[in-house]
Amino acid sequence: MIAAILVSCSVGRGEESVASPDVQFTPARELCGGVLSEAAVRHLEEAARSDEFHALFQPGDPNDLESLLRVLHETEEYEEQFCRIYTPASDPAIPTVQFYFAWEPAELVEPPEESSLWDNPQAIHYDIGVLALTLGPSGAFLVFECSVEGREGHVLSSRLHVHPDAHPDDRIGLLNAVSRTVAGGLGCVEESGLTEAAPQPLPRSLG
């Protein structure tokens, strides 16, 4: 299941066009209600090649850190989408960056060396969380431990999609930074294995 989620290039359910050309773009630090730390801002600007952004939310989506945390406590949905980010150069139909969060049964998550993507030359694995990797030009995926009442036996997964592409270190750095903020809000940052430092690729031999 995890590999299928990561490989998917879906741009989300029912994407709407970005607002009209007179939309006001803002600095990254003002996006998405407090979820972007300084590290996240830095990686976002590098990944998106911009310092101006605009965020859109579908009706019913969490639209700031507080509402995202509430949804993650309560949701029974398979996956929650959060914070569609556009730049002035974005395709109106496709966000430049979008995030997803979901609870996964812990027994379904394999260690990096046992992952079906360990030997994939397009995948880069990193030294954070339970499992962290980028795949191809646009995806990043992260699984980390997070003890929350009612979610026993589960781990929290997050992923992002960047359009059109971005350096793997910026993708995983951005996802790590945002996920660490979420972990802090859920009270599990210590057990999460997410770091303030930049994630480092795991060494491996690809024959």
N, C-alpha and C. Protein backbone atom coordinates (compact mmCIF):
# COMPACT_ATOMS: atom_id res chain seq x y z
N MET A 1 0.82 -1.21 0.00
CA MET A 1 0.00 0.00 0.00
C MET A 1 0.86 1.26 0.00
N ILE A 2 1.90 1.27 0.85
CA ILE A 2 2.73 2.45 0.97
C ILE A 2 3.43 2.76 -0.35
N ALA A 3 3.97 1.73 -1.00
CA ALA A 3 4.63 1.96 -2.27
C ALA A 3 3.65 2.53 -3.29
N ALA A 4 2.43 2.03 -3.30
CA ALA A 4 1.44 2.51 -4.25
C ALA A 4 1.11 3.98 -4.01
N ILE A 5 1.03 4.37 -2.73
CA ILE A 5 0.75 5.76 -2.41
C ILE A 5 1.87 6.65 -2.91
N LEU A 6 3.10 6.23 -2.68
CA LEU A 6 4.24 7.05 -3.05
C LEU A 6 4.36 7.18 -4.55
N VAL A 7 4.15 6.11 -5.28
CA VAL A 7 4.30 6.14 -6.72
C VAL A 7 3.21 6.97 -7.38
N SER A 8 2.05 7.04 -6.73
CA SER A 8 0.93 7.78 -7.30
C SER A 8 1.31 9.24 -7.54
N CYS A 9 0.89 9.75 -8.67
CA CYS A 9 1.14 11.15 -9.00
C CYS A 9 -0.14 11.96 -8.98
N SER A 10 -1.10 11.48 -8.20
CA SER A 10 -2.38 12.18 -8.10
C SER A 10 -2.17 13.59 -7.61
N VAL A 11 -2.96 14.52 -8.13
CA VAL A 11 -2.91 15.90 -7.66
C VAL A 11 -4.07 16.21 -6.75
N GLY A 12 -4.73 15.17 -6.22
CA GLY A 12 -5.76 15.40 -5.22
C GLY A 12 -7.14 15.34 -5.80
N ARG A 13 -8.12 15.32 -4.90
CA ARG A 13 -9.48 15.15 -5.33
C ARG A 13 -10.06 16.48 -5.77
N GLY A 14 -10.63 16.50 -6.96
CA GLY A 14 -11.36 17.65 -7.43
C GLY A 14 -10.60 18.95 -7.40
N GLU A 15 -9.37 18.97 -7.94
CA GLU A 15 -8.59 20.19 -7.90
C GLU A 15 -9.33 21.32 -8.61
N GLU A 16 -9.29 22.52 -8.03
CA GLU A 16 -9.86 23.69 -8.64
C GLU A 16 -8.75 24.57 -9.15
N SER A 17 -9.08 25.44 -10.09
CA SER A 17 -8.08 26.36 -10.59
C SER A 17 -7.65 27.32 -9.49
N VAL A 18 -6.40 27.76 -9.57
CA VAL A 18 -5.94 28.78 -8.65
C VAL A 18 -6.77 30.04 -8.88
N ALA A 19 -6.79 30.90 -7.89
CA ALA A 19 -7.61 32.09 -7.97
C ALA A 19 -7.22 32.96 -9.15
N SER A 20 -8.01 33.97 -9.43
CA SER A 20 -7.84 34.85 -10.59
C SER A 20 -6.47 35.51 -10.58
N PRO A 21 -6.03 36.04 -11.72
CA PRO A 21 -4.68 36.61 -11.82
C PRO A 21 -4.39 37.71 -10.81
N ASP A 22 -5.42 38.34 -10.23
CA ASP A 22 -5.17 39.41 -9.27
C ASP A 22 -5.00 38.89 -7.84
N VAL A 23 -4.89 37.56 -7.67
CA VAL A 23 -4.68 36.99 -6.35
C VAL A 23 -3.42 37.56 -5.72
N GLN A 24 -3.45 37.76 -4.41
CA GLN A 24 -2.30 38.32 -3.70
C GLN A 24 -1.38 37.21 -3.22
N PHE A 25 -0.18 37.13 -3.75
CA PHE A 25 0.80 36.16 -3.30
C PHE A 25 1.53 36.70 -2.08
N THR A 26 1.93 35.79 -1.20
CA THR A 26 2.51 36.17 0.09
C THR A 26 3.83 35.44 0.31
N PRO A 27 4.63 35.87 1.28
CA PRO A 27 5.84 35.13 1.64
C PRO A 27 5.48 33.76 2.22
N ALA A 28 6.42 32.83 2.13
CA ALA A 28 6.18 31.45 2.59
C ALA A 28 5.81 31.39 4.06
N ARG A 29 6.39 32.25 4.88
CA ARG A 29 6.15 32.16 6.33
C ARG A 29 4.70 32.44 6.70
N GLU A 30 3.91 33.01 5.79
CA GLU A 30 2.52 33.34 6.08
C GLU A 30 1.55 32.25 5.64
N LEU A 31 2.05 31.18 5.06
CA LEU A 31 1.18 30.15 4.50
C LEU A 31 0.66 29.18 5.56
N CYS A 32 -0.53 28.70 5.36
CA CYS A 32 -1.05 27.49 6.00
C CYS A 32 -1.05 27.52 7.52
N GLY A 33 -1.29 28.71 8.07
CA GLY A 33 -1.61 28.84 9.48
C GLY A 33 -0.61 28.31 10.47
N GLY A 34 0.69 28.55 10.24
CA GLY A 34 1.67 28.25 11.27
C GLY A 34 2.36 26.91 11.15
N VAL A 35 2.19 26.20 10.05
CA VAL A 35 2.79 24.89 9.93
C VAL A 35 4.22 24.94 9.38
N LEU A 36 4.61 26.07 8.80
CA LEU A 36 5.91 26.16 8.15
C LEU A 36 6.95 26.79 9.08
N SER A 37 7.89 25.98 9.52
CA SER A 37 9.01 26.47 10.33
C SER A 37 10.02 27.17 9.43
N GLU A 38 11.06 27.73 10.03
CA GLU A 38 12.10 28.38 9.24
C GLU A 38 12.74 27.39 8.27
N ALA A 39 12.98 26.17 8.73
CA ALA A 39 13.56 25.16 7.85
C ALA A 39 12.61 24.83 6.70
N ALA A 40 11.31 24.73 7.00
CA ALA A 40 10.32 24.43 5.97
C ALA A 40 10.28 25.54 4.93
N VAL A 41 10.32 26.80 5.39
CA VAL A 41 10.32 27.94 4.47
C VAL A 41 11.52 27.86 3.54
N ARG A 42 12.67 27.59 4.10
CA ARG A 42 13.89 27.52 3.29
C ARG A 42 13.78 26.43 2.22
N HIS A 43 13.33 25.25 2.61
CA HIS A 43 13.21 24.16 1.64
C HIS A 43 12.10 24.43 0.62
N LEU A 44 11.02 25.06 1.07
CA LEU A 44 9.94 25.38 0.14
C LEU A 44 10.40 26.35 -0.93
N GLU A 45 11.11 27.37 -0.53
CA GLU A 45 11.59 28.36 -1.50
C GLU A 45 12.55 27.73 -2.50
N GLU A 46 13.40 26.81 -2.02
CA GLU A 46 14.31 26.12 -2.93
C GLU A 46 13.55 25.17 -3.85
N ALA A 47 12.62 24.40 -3.29
CA ALA A 47 11.88 23.43 -4.09
C ALA A 47 11.00 24.10 -5.14
N ALA A 48 10.37 25.21 -4.76
CA ALA A 48 9.43 25.88 -5.66
C ALA A 48 10.09 26.95 -6.51
N ARG A 49 11.35 27.28 -6.22
CA ARG A 49 12.08 28.31 -6.95
C ARG A 49 11.32 29.64 -6.93
N SER A 50 10.83 29.97 -5.75
CA SER A 50 10.05 31.20 -5.61
C SER A 50 10.08 31.64 -4.15
N ASP A 51 9.79 32.93 -3.92
CA ASP A 51 9.60 33.41 -2.55
C ASP A 51 8.22 34.04 -2.38
N GLU A 52 7.33 33.81 -3.36
CA GLU A 52 5.95 34.27 -3.27
C GLU A 52 5.01 33.09 -3.47
N PHE A 53 3.96 33.00 -2.64
CA PHE A 53 3.10 31.83 -2.65
C PHE A 53 1.65 32.21 -2.37
N HIS A 54 0.80 31.27 -2.71
CA HIS A 54 -0.62 31.40 -2.40
C HIS A 54 -1.12 30.01 -2.06
N ALA A 55 -1.89 29.89 -0.97
CA ALA A 55 -2.40 28.58 -0.54
C ALA A 55 -3.91 28.53 -0.75
N LEU A 56 -4.40 27.38 -1.23
CA LEU A 56 -5.82 27.14 -1.38
C LEU A 56 -6.22 25.89 -0.61
N PHE A 57 -7.46 25.85 -0.17
CA PHE A 57 -8.00 24.71 0.57
C PHE A 57 -9.37 24.37 -0.01
N GLN A 58 -9.62 23.08 -0.19
CA GLN A 58 -10.94 22.63 -0.59
C GLN A 58 -11.89 22.74 0.60
N PRO A 59 -13.19 22.92 0.35
CA PRO A 59 -14.14 22.96 1.46
C PRO A 59 -14.02 21.71 2.33
N GLY A 60 -13.93 21.92 3.63
CA GLY A 60 -13.80 20.80 4.56
C GLY A 60 -12.38 20.41 4.87
N ASP A 61 -11.41 20.89 4.10
CA ASP A 61 -10.01 20.61 4.38
C ASP A 61 -9.56 21.37 5.62
N PRO A 62 -8.64 20.80 6.42
CA PRO A 62 -8.00 21.60 7.46
C PRO A 62 -7.24 22.75 6.81
N ASN A 63 -7.30 23.94 7.42
CA ASN A 63 -6.70 25.10 6.78
C ASN A 63 -5.63 25.80 7.63
N ASP A 64 -5.29 25.20 8.76
CA ASP A 64 -4.18 25.70 9.57
C ASP A 64 -3.70 24.56 10.46
N LEU A 65 -2.66 24.82 11.23
CA LEU A 65 -2.08 23.75 12.05
C LEU A 65 -3.09 23.22 13.06
N GLU A 66 -3.83 24.10 13.71
CA GLU A 66 -4.79 23.67 14.72
C GLU A 66 -5.85 22.75 14.13
N SER A 67 -6.40 23.12 12.97
CA SER A 67 -7.44 22.28 12.38
C SER A 67 -6.86 20.98 11.84
N LEU A 68 -5.62 21.01 11.36
CA LEU A 68 -4.99 19.77 10.91
C LEU A 68 -4.80 18.81 12.08
N LEU A 69 -4.34 19.32 13.21
CA LEU A 69 -4.16 18.47 14.39
C LEU A 69 -5.48 17.88 14.84
N ARG A 70 -6.53 18.69 14.81
CA ARG A 70 -7.85 18.19 15.22
C ARG A 70 -8.31 17.07 14.29
N VAL A 71 -8.13 17.26 12.99
CA VAL A 71 -8.52 16.24 12.02
C VAL A 71 -7.73 14.96 12.24
N LEU A 72 -6.44 15.08 12.53
CA LEU A 72 -5.62 13.89 12.72
C LEU A 72 -6.00 13.14 14.00
N HIS A 73 -6.54 13.83 14.97
CA HIS A 73 -7.07 13.17 16.16
C HIS A 73 -8.37 12.44 15.86
N GLU A 74 -9.18 12.99 14.96
CA GLU A 74 -10.55 12.52 14.79
C GLU A 74 -10.82 11.74 13.52
N THR A 75 -10.03 11.93 12.48
CA THR A 75 -10.41 11.44 11.16
C THR A 75 -10.49 9.93 11.07
N GLU A 76 -11.43 9.47 10.28
CA GLU A 76 -11.52 8.07 9.89
C GLU A 76 -11.23 7.92 8.41
N GLU A 77 -10.88 9.04 7.77
CA GLU A 77 -10.59 9.01 6.33
C GLU A 77 -9.27 8.30 6.07
N TYR A 78 -9.14 7.80 4.85
CA TYR A 78 -7.92 7.12 4.45
C TYR A 78 -6.74 8.08 4.44
N GLU A 79 -6.93 9.27 3.91
CA GLU A 79 -5.84 10.23 3.80
C GLU A 79 -6.41 11.64 3.80
N GLU A 80 -5.72 12.54 4.48
CA GLU A 80 -6.14 13.93 4.54
C GLU A 80 -5.18 14.79 3.73
N GLN A 81 -5.73 15.62 2.87
CA GLN A 81 -4.90 16.55 2.11
C GLN A 81 -4.86 17.88 2.83
N PHE A 82 -3.70 18.53 2.77
CA PHE A 82 -3.51 19.77 3.51
C PHE A 82 -2.61 20.71 2.74
N CYS A 83 -3.04 21.97 2.60
CA CYS A 83 -2.17 23.05 2.14
C CYS A 83 -1.69 22.87 0.70
N ARG A 84 -2.54 23.24 -0.26
CA ARG A 84 -2.14 23.29 -1.66
C ARG A 84 -1.47 24.64 -1.91
N ILE A 85 -0.22 24.61 -2.33
CA ILE A 85 0.57 25.83 -2.47
C ILE A 85 0.85 26.11 -3.93
N TYR A 86 0.60 27.35 -4.33
CA TYR A 86 0.86 27.81 -5.69
C TYR A 86 1.89 28.93 -5.68
N THR A 87 2.61 29.08 -6.79
CA THR A 87 3.50 30.22 -7.01
C THR A 87 2.95 31.02 -8.20
N PRO A 88 3.48 32.22 -8.43
CA PRO A 88 3.03 32.96 -9.61
C PRO A 88 3.22 32.21 -10.92
N ALA A 89 4.15 31.26 -10.95
CA ALA A 89 4.42 30.51 -12.18
C ALA A 89 3.66 29.19 -12.26
N SER A 90 2.82 28.87 -11.26
CA SER A 90 2.13 27.58 -11.23
C SER A 90 1.16 27.42 -12.40
N ASP A 91 1.04 26.18 -12.86
CA ASP A 91 -0.09 25.81 -13.70
C ASP A 91 -1.34 26.02 -12.87
N PRO A 92 -2.33 26.76 -13.37
CA PRO A 92 -3.52 27.05 -12.57
C PRO A 92 -4.25 25.81 -12.06
N ALA A 93 -4.09 24.67 -12.73
CA ALA A 93 -4.81 23.46 -12.34
C ALA A 93 -4.01 22.55 -11.42
N ILE A 94 -2.72 22.85 -11.23
CA ILE A 94 -1.86 21.94 -10.48
C ILE A 94 -1.07 22.71 -9.44
N PRO A 95 -1.27 22.43 -8.16
CA PRO A 95 -0.47 23.10 -7.12
C PRO A 95 1.01 22.81 -7.30
N THR A 96 1.83 23.76 -6.91
CA THR A 96 3.27 23.53 -6.92
C THR A 96 3.66 22.52 -5.85
N VAL A 97 3.06 22.64 -4.66
CA VAL A 97 3.33 21.72 -3.55
C VAL A 97 2.01 21.39 -2.87
N GLN A 98 1.83 20.12 -2.51
CA GLN A 98 0.68 19.73 -1.71
C GLN A 98 1.09 18.61 -0.77
N PHE A 99 0.49 18.62 0.43
CA PHE A 99 0.81 17.67 1.48
C PHE A 99 -0.36 16.74 1.76
N TYR A 100 -0.04 15.53 2.24
CA TYR A 100 -1.05 14.55 2.62
C TYR A 100 -0.60 13.89 3.92
N PHE A 101 -1.57 13.57 4.79
CA PHE A 101 -1.29 12.87 6.04
C PHE A 101 -2.26 11.70 6.20
N ALA A 102 -1.78 10.60 6.78
CA ALA A 102 -2.63 9.43 6.99
C ALA A 102 -2.06 8.58 8.11
N TRP A 103 -2.93 7.86 8.81
CA TRP A 103 -2.52 6.85 9.78
C TRP A 103 -2.38 5.52 9.07
N GLU A 104 -1.28 4.82 9.34
CA GLU A 104 -1.01 3.53 8.73
C GLU A 104 -0.85 2.47 9.82
N PRO A 105 -1.40 1.26 9.64
CA PRO A 105 -1.12 0.18 10.58
C PRO A 105 0.39 -0.07 10.65
N ALA A 106 0.93 -0.08 11.85
CA ALA A 106 2.38 -0.19 12.02
C ALA A 106 2.93 -1.47 11.39
N GLU A 107 2.15 -2.55 11.40
CA GLU A 107 2.68 -3.82 10.88
C GLU A 107 2.84 -3.81 9.37
N LEU A 108 2.26 -2.83 8.69
CA LEU A 108 2.39 -2.76 7.24
C LEU A 108 3.61 -1.98 6.79
N VAL A 109 4.31 -1.36 7.72
CA VAL A 109 5.46 -0.53 7.38
C VAL A 109 6.74 -1.34 7.51
N GLU A 110 7.48 -1.44 6.42
CA GLU A 110 8.72 -2.20 6.41
C GLU A 110 9.91 -1.28 6.69
N PRO A 111 10.97 -1.78 7.35
CA PRO A 111 12.19 -0.99 7.50
C PRO A 111 12.76 -0.65 6.13
N PRO A 112 13.58 0.40 6.04
CA PRO A 112 14.11 0.82 4.73
C PRO A 112 14.73 -0.31 3.93
N GLU A 113 15.58 -1.13 4.59
CA GLU A 113 16.30 -2.18 3.86
C GLU A 113 15.37 -3.28 3.35
N GLU A 114 14.16 -3.38 3.94
CA GLU A 114 13.20 -4.39 3.50
C GLU A 114 12.13 -3.81 2.60
N SER A 115 12.17 -2.51 2.39
CA SER A 115 11.18 -1.86 1.54
C SER A 115 11.31 -2.34 0.10
N SER A 116 10.18 -2.44 -0.58
CA SER A 116 10.19 -2.83 -1.99
C SER A 116 10.89 -1.80 -2.86
N LEU A 117 11.13 -0.61 -2.31
CA LEU A 117 11.79 0.45 -3.08
C LEU A 117 13.27 0.62 -2.73
N TRP A 118 13.80 -0.24 -1.83
CA TRP A 118 15.18 -0.10 -1.41
C TRP A 118 16.15 -0.18 -2.58
N ASP A 119 15.88 -1.07 -3.53
CA ASP A 119 16.78 -1.27 -4.67
C ASP A 119 16.39 -0.46 -5.89
N ASN A 120 15.40 0.39 -5.76
CA ASN A 120 14.97 1.22 -6.88
C ASN A 120 15.94 2.39 -7.04
N PRO A 121 16.63 2.50 -8.18
CA PRO A 121 17.62 3.57 -8.34
C PRO A 121 17.01 4.97 -8.34
N GLN A 122 15.69 5.07 -8.56
CA GLN A 122 15.05 6.39 -8.53
C GLN A 122 14.65 6.81 -7.12
N ALA A 123 14.78 5.90 -6.16
CA ALA A 123 14.41 6.20 -4.78
C ALA A 123 15.66 6.54 -3.97
N ILE A 124 15.55 7.55 -3.12
CA ILE A 124 16.61 7.91 -2.18
C ILE A 124 16.05 7.80 -0.78
N HIS A 125 16.64 6.95 0.05
CA HIS A 125 16.18 6.74 1.42
C HIS A 125 16.96 7.63 2.39
N TYR A 126 16.29 8.09 3.44
CA TYR A 126 16.89 9.03 4.38
C TYR A 126 16.84 8.49 5.80
N ASP A 127 17.63 9.13 6.68
CA ASP A 127 17.88 8.60 8.02
C ASP A 127 16.94 9.17 9.08
N ILE A 128 15.69 9.40 8.76
CA ILE A 128 14.73 9.96 9.72
C ILE A 128 13.50 9.07 9.80
N GLY A 129 12.80 9.15 10.94
CA GLY A 129 11.56 8.43 11.09
C GLY A 129 11.73 6.93 11.00
N VAL A 130 10.63 6.25 10.70
CA VAL A 130 10.64 4.80 10.48
C VAL A 130 11.04 4.50 9.04
N LEU A 131 10.55 5.32 8.12
CA LEU A 131 10.83 5.16 6.70
C LEU A 131 10.72 6.53 6.06
N ALA A 132 11.71 6.90 5.26
CA ALA A 132 11.69 8.21 4.60
C ALA A 132 12.40 8.08 3.27
N LEU A 133 11.75 8.53 2.21
CA LEU A 133 12.37 8.45 0.91
C LEU A 133 11.74 9.42 -0.07
N THR A 134 12.51 9.73 -1.10
CA THR A 134 11.99 10.45 -2.25
C THR A 134 12.00 9.49 -3.43
N LEU A 135 11.14 9.76 -4.40
CA LEU A 135 11.05 8.89 -5.56
C LEU A 135 10.80 9.73 -6.79
N GLY A 136 11.63 9.51 -7.83
CA GLY A 136 11.45 10.24 -9.07
C GLY A 136 11.66 11.73 -8.89
N PRO A 137 11.08 12.56 -9.76
CA PRO A 137 11.35 14.00 -9.73
C PRO A 137 10.46 14.81 -8.80
N SER A 138 9.42 14.18 -8.20
CA SER A 138 8.43 15.03 -7.53
C SER A 138 7.91 14.52 -6.19
N GLY A 139 8.12 13.26 -5.84
CA GLY A 139 7.50 12.69 -4.65
C GLY A 139 8.42 12.62 -3.45
N ALA A 140 7.83 12.64 -2.26
CA ALA A 140 8.55 12.37 -1.01
C ALA A 140 7.57 11.73 -0.05
N PHE A 141 8.08 10.80 0.78
CA PHE A 141 7.21 10.02 1.65
C PHE A 141 7.93 9.79 2.97
N LEU A 142 7.17 9.84 4.06
CA LEU A 142 7.75 9.75 5.39
C LEU A 142 6.77 9.02 6.31
N VAL A 143 7.29 8.11 7.14
CA VAL A 143 6.50 7.43 8.16
C VAL A 143 7.22 7.61 9.49
N PHE A 144 6.46 7.98 10.54
CA PHE A 144 7.09 8.17 11.84
C PHE A 144 6.16 7.74 12.96
N GLU A 145 6.77 7.35 14.07
CA GLU A 145 6.01 6.92 15.23
C GLU A 145 5.39 8.13 15.92
N CYS A 146 4.14 7.95 16.36
CA CYS A 146 3.43 9.05 17.01
C CYS A 146 2.32 8.46 17.87
N SER A 147 2.55 8.39 19.17
CA SER A 147 1.58 7.79 20.07
C SER A 147 0.45 8.78 20.37
N VAL A 148 -0.73 8.48 19.86
CA VAL A 148 -1.91 9.32 20.05
C VAL A 148 -3.04 8.42 20.52
N GLU A 149 -3.77 8.84 21.54
CA GLU A 149 -4.87 8.04 22.06
C GLU A 149 -5.87 7.75 20.94
N GLY A 150 -6.25 6.48 20.85
CA GLY A 150 -7.18 6.06 19.80
C GLY A 150 -6.49 5.61 18.53
N ARG A 151 -5.15 5.82 18.45
CA ARG A 151 -4.38 5.41 17.25
C ARG A 151 -3.35 4.36 17.61
N GLU A 152 -3.63 3.60 18.66
CA GLU A 152 -2.69 2.55 19.05
C GLU A 152 -2.50 1.58 17.88
N GLY A 153 -1.25 1.15 17.71
CA GLY A 153 -0.95 0.21 16.64
C GLY A 153 -0.78 0.86 15.29
N HIS A 154 -0.78 2.20 15.25
CA HIS A 154 -0.63 2.92 14.00
C HIS A 154 0.59 3.84 14.05
N VAL A 155 1.10 4.17 12.89
CA VAL A 155 2.12 5.20 12.73
C VAL A 155 1.54 6.25 11.79
N LEU A 156 2.12 7.43 11.83
CA LEU A 156 1.63 8.52 10.99
C LEU A 156 2.50 8.64 9.75
N SER A 157 1.86 8.72 8.60
CA SER A 157 2.60 8.91 7.35
C SER A 157 2.28 10.28 6.79
N SER A 158 3.24 10.84 6.10
CA SER A 158 3.04 12.10 5.39
C SER A 158 3.72 11.98 4.03
N ARG A 159 3.20 12.69 3.08
CA ARG A 159 3.84 12.72 1.78
C ARG A 159 3.59 14.07 1.14
N LEU A 160 4.41 14.39 0.16
CA LEU A 160 4.18 15.60 -0.62
C LEU A 160 4.44 15.32 -2.08
N HIS A 161 3.88 16.19 -2.89
CA HIS A 161 4.10 16.15 -4.33
C HIS A 161 4.50 17.55 -4.76
N VAL A 162 5.59 17.64 -5.50
CA VAL A 162 6.08 18.93 -6.00
C VAL A 162 5.97 18.93 -7.51
N HIS A 163 5.42 20.00 -8.07
CA HIS A 163 5.31 20.13 -9.53
C HIS A 163 6.02 21.41 -9.96
N PRO A 164 6.91 21.35 -10.95
CA PRO A 164 7.16 20.19 -11.80
C PRO A 164 8.19 19.22 -11.24
N ASP A 165 9.17 19.69 -10.47
CA ASP A 165 10.15 18.80 -9.86
C ASP A 165 10.94 19.62 -8.85
N ALA A 166 11.74 18.93 -8.06
CA ALA A 166 12.58 19.61 -7.07
C ALA A 166 13.66 18.65 -6.61
N HIS A 167 14.75 19.19 -6.09
CA HIS A 167 15.86 18.36 -5.62
C HIS A 167 15.36 17.47 -4.49
N PRO A 168 15.79 16.20 -4.45
CA PRO A 168 15.34 15.28 -3.39
C PRO A 168 15.59 15.82 -1.98
N ASP A 169 16.74 16.45 -1.73
CA ASP A 169 17.03 16.94 -0.38
C ASP A 169 16.05 18.03 0.04
N ASP A 170 15.60 18.85 -0.90
CA ASP A 170 14.62 19.88 -0.56
C ASP A 170 13.25 19.28 -0.34
N ARG A 171 12.90 18.26 -1.12
CA ARG A 171 11.60 17.61 -0.92
C ARG A 171 11.52 16.95 0.46
N ILE A 172 12.53 16.14 0.80
CA ILE A 172 12.46 15.44 2.09
C ILE A 172 12.71 16.42 3.23
N GLY A 173 13.51 17.45 3.01
CA GLY A 173 13.71 18.46 4.04
C GLY A 173 12.44 19.21 4.36
N LEU A 174 11.68 19.57 3.34
CA LEU A 174 10.40 20.25 3.53
C LEU A 174 9.41 19.34 4.24
N LEU A 175 9.30 18.10 3.79
CA LEU A 175 8.36 17.17 4.41
C LEU A 175 8.74 16.88 5.85
N ASN A 176 10.02 16.72 6.12
CA ASN A 176 10.47 16.49 7.49
C ASN A 176 10.13 17.67 8.38
N ALA A 177 10.37 18.88 7.91
CA ALA A 177 10.14 20.07 8.73
C ALA A 177 8.65 20.24 9.05
N VAL A 178 7.79 20.08 8.05
CA VAL A 178 6.35 20.20 8.29
C VAL A 178 5.86 19.07 9.20
N SER A 179 6.32 17.86 8.95
CA SER A 179 5.91 16.72 9.77
C SER A 179 6.39 16.87 11.20
N ARG A 180 7.55 17.46 11.40
CA ARG A 180 8.06 17.66 12.77
C ARG A 180 7.19 18.67 13.52
N THR A 181 6.72 19.70 12.82
CA THR A 181 5.80 20.65 13.44
C THR A 181 4.51 19.94 13.84
N VAL A 182 4.00 19.09 12.95
CA VAL A 182 2.78 18.34 13.26
C VAL A 182 3.03 17.40 14.44
N ALA A 183 4.17 16.71 14.43
CA ALA A 183 4.50 15.82 15.55
C ALA A 183 4.57 16.58 16.86
N GLY A 184 5.13 17.79 16.83
CA GLY A 184 5.17 18.61 18.03
C GLY A 184 3.77 18.94 18.53
N GLY A 185 2.87 19.25 17.62
CA GLY A 185 1.50 19.55 17.99
C GLY A 185 0.77 18.36 18.56
N LEU A 186 1.12 17.16 18.11
CA LEU A 186 0.50 15.93 18.60
C LEU A 186 1.19 15.38 19.84
N GLY A 187 2.30 16.01 20.24
CA GLY A 187 3.01 15.59 21.44
C GLY A 187 3.90 14.38 21.25
N CYS A 188 4.36 14.15 20.02
CA CYS A 188 5.17 12.95 19.78
C CYS A 188 6.50 13.25 19.10
N VAL A 189 6.95 14.48 19.19
CA VAL A 189 8.16 14.84 18.46
C VAL A 189 9.37 14.04 18.94
N GLU A 190 9.46 13.72 20.23
CA GLU A 190 10.62 12.99 20.74
C GLU A 190 10.70 11.58 20.18
N GLU A 191 9.56 10.91 20.03
CA GLU A 191 9.57 9.54 19.53
C GLU A 191 9.56 9.46 18.02
N SER A 192 9.31 10.58 17.36
CA SER A 192 9.09 10.56 15.91
C SER A 192 10.34 10.23 15.11
N GLY A 193 11.50 10.58 15.63
CA GLY A 193 12.73 10.39 14.87
C GLY A 193 12.92 11.43 13.80
N LEU A 194 12.14 12.52 13.85
CA LEU A 194 12.29 13.63 12.91
C LEU A 194 13.23 14.65 13.53
N THR A 195 14.10 15.21 12.72
CA THR A 195 15.20 16.01 13.24
C THR A 195 15.10 17.47 12.81
N GLU A 196 15.74 18.34 13.61
CA GLU A 196 15.89 19.73 13.20
C GLU A 196 16.95 19.85 12.12
N ALA A 197 17.93 18.97 12.13
CA ALA A 197 18.97 18.97 11.12
C ALA A 197 18.45 18.43 9.80
N ALA A 198 19.15 18.74 8.73
CA ALA A 198 18.75 18.26 7.41
C ALA A 198 18.87 16.73 7.35
N PRO A 199 17.84 16.03 6.86
CA PRO A 199 17.94 14.58 6.70
C PRO A 199 19.09 14.20 5.77
N GLN A 200 19.73 13.06 6.08
CA GLN A 200 20.84 12.59 5.27
C GLN A 200 20.48 11.28 4.56
N PRO A 201 20.91 11.11 3.31
CA PRO A 201 20.62 9.86 2.60
C PRO A 201 21.29 8.68 3.28
N LEU A 202 20.61 7.53 3.29
CA LEU A 202 21.18 6.31 3.81
C LEU A 202 22.11 5.69 2.77
N PRO A 203 23.27 5.20 3.18
CA PRO A 203 24.17 4.55 2.21
C PRO A 203 23.59 3.22 1.76
N ARG A 204 23.78 2.91 0.50
CA ARG A 204 23.33 1.61 -0.03
C ARG A 204 24.09 1.34 -1.32
N SER A 205 24.18 0.09 -1.67
CA SER A 205 24.82 -0.33 -2.90
C SER A 205 23.77 -0.82 -3.87
N LEU A 206 23.80 -0.29 -5.08
CA LEU A 206 22.80 -0.68 -6.10
C LEU A 206 23.41 -1.54 -7.19
N GLY A 207 24.37 -2.30 -6.82
CA GLY A 207 24.95 -3.27 -7.73
C GLY A 207 25.54 -2.68 -8.96
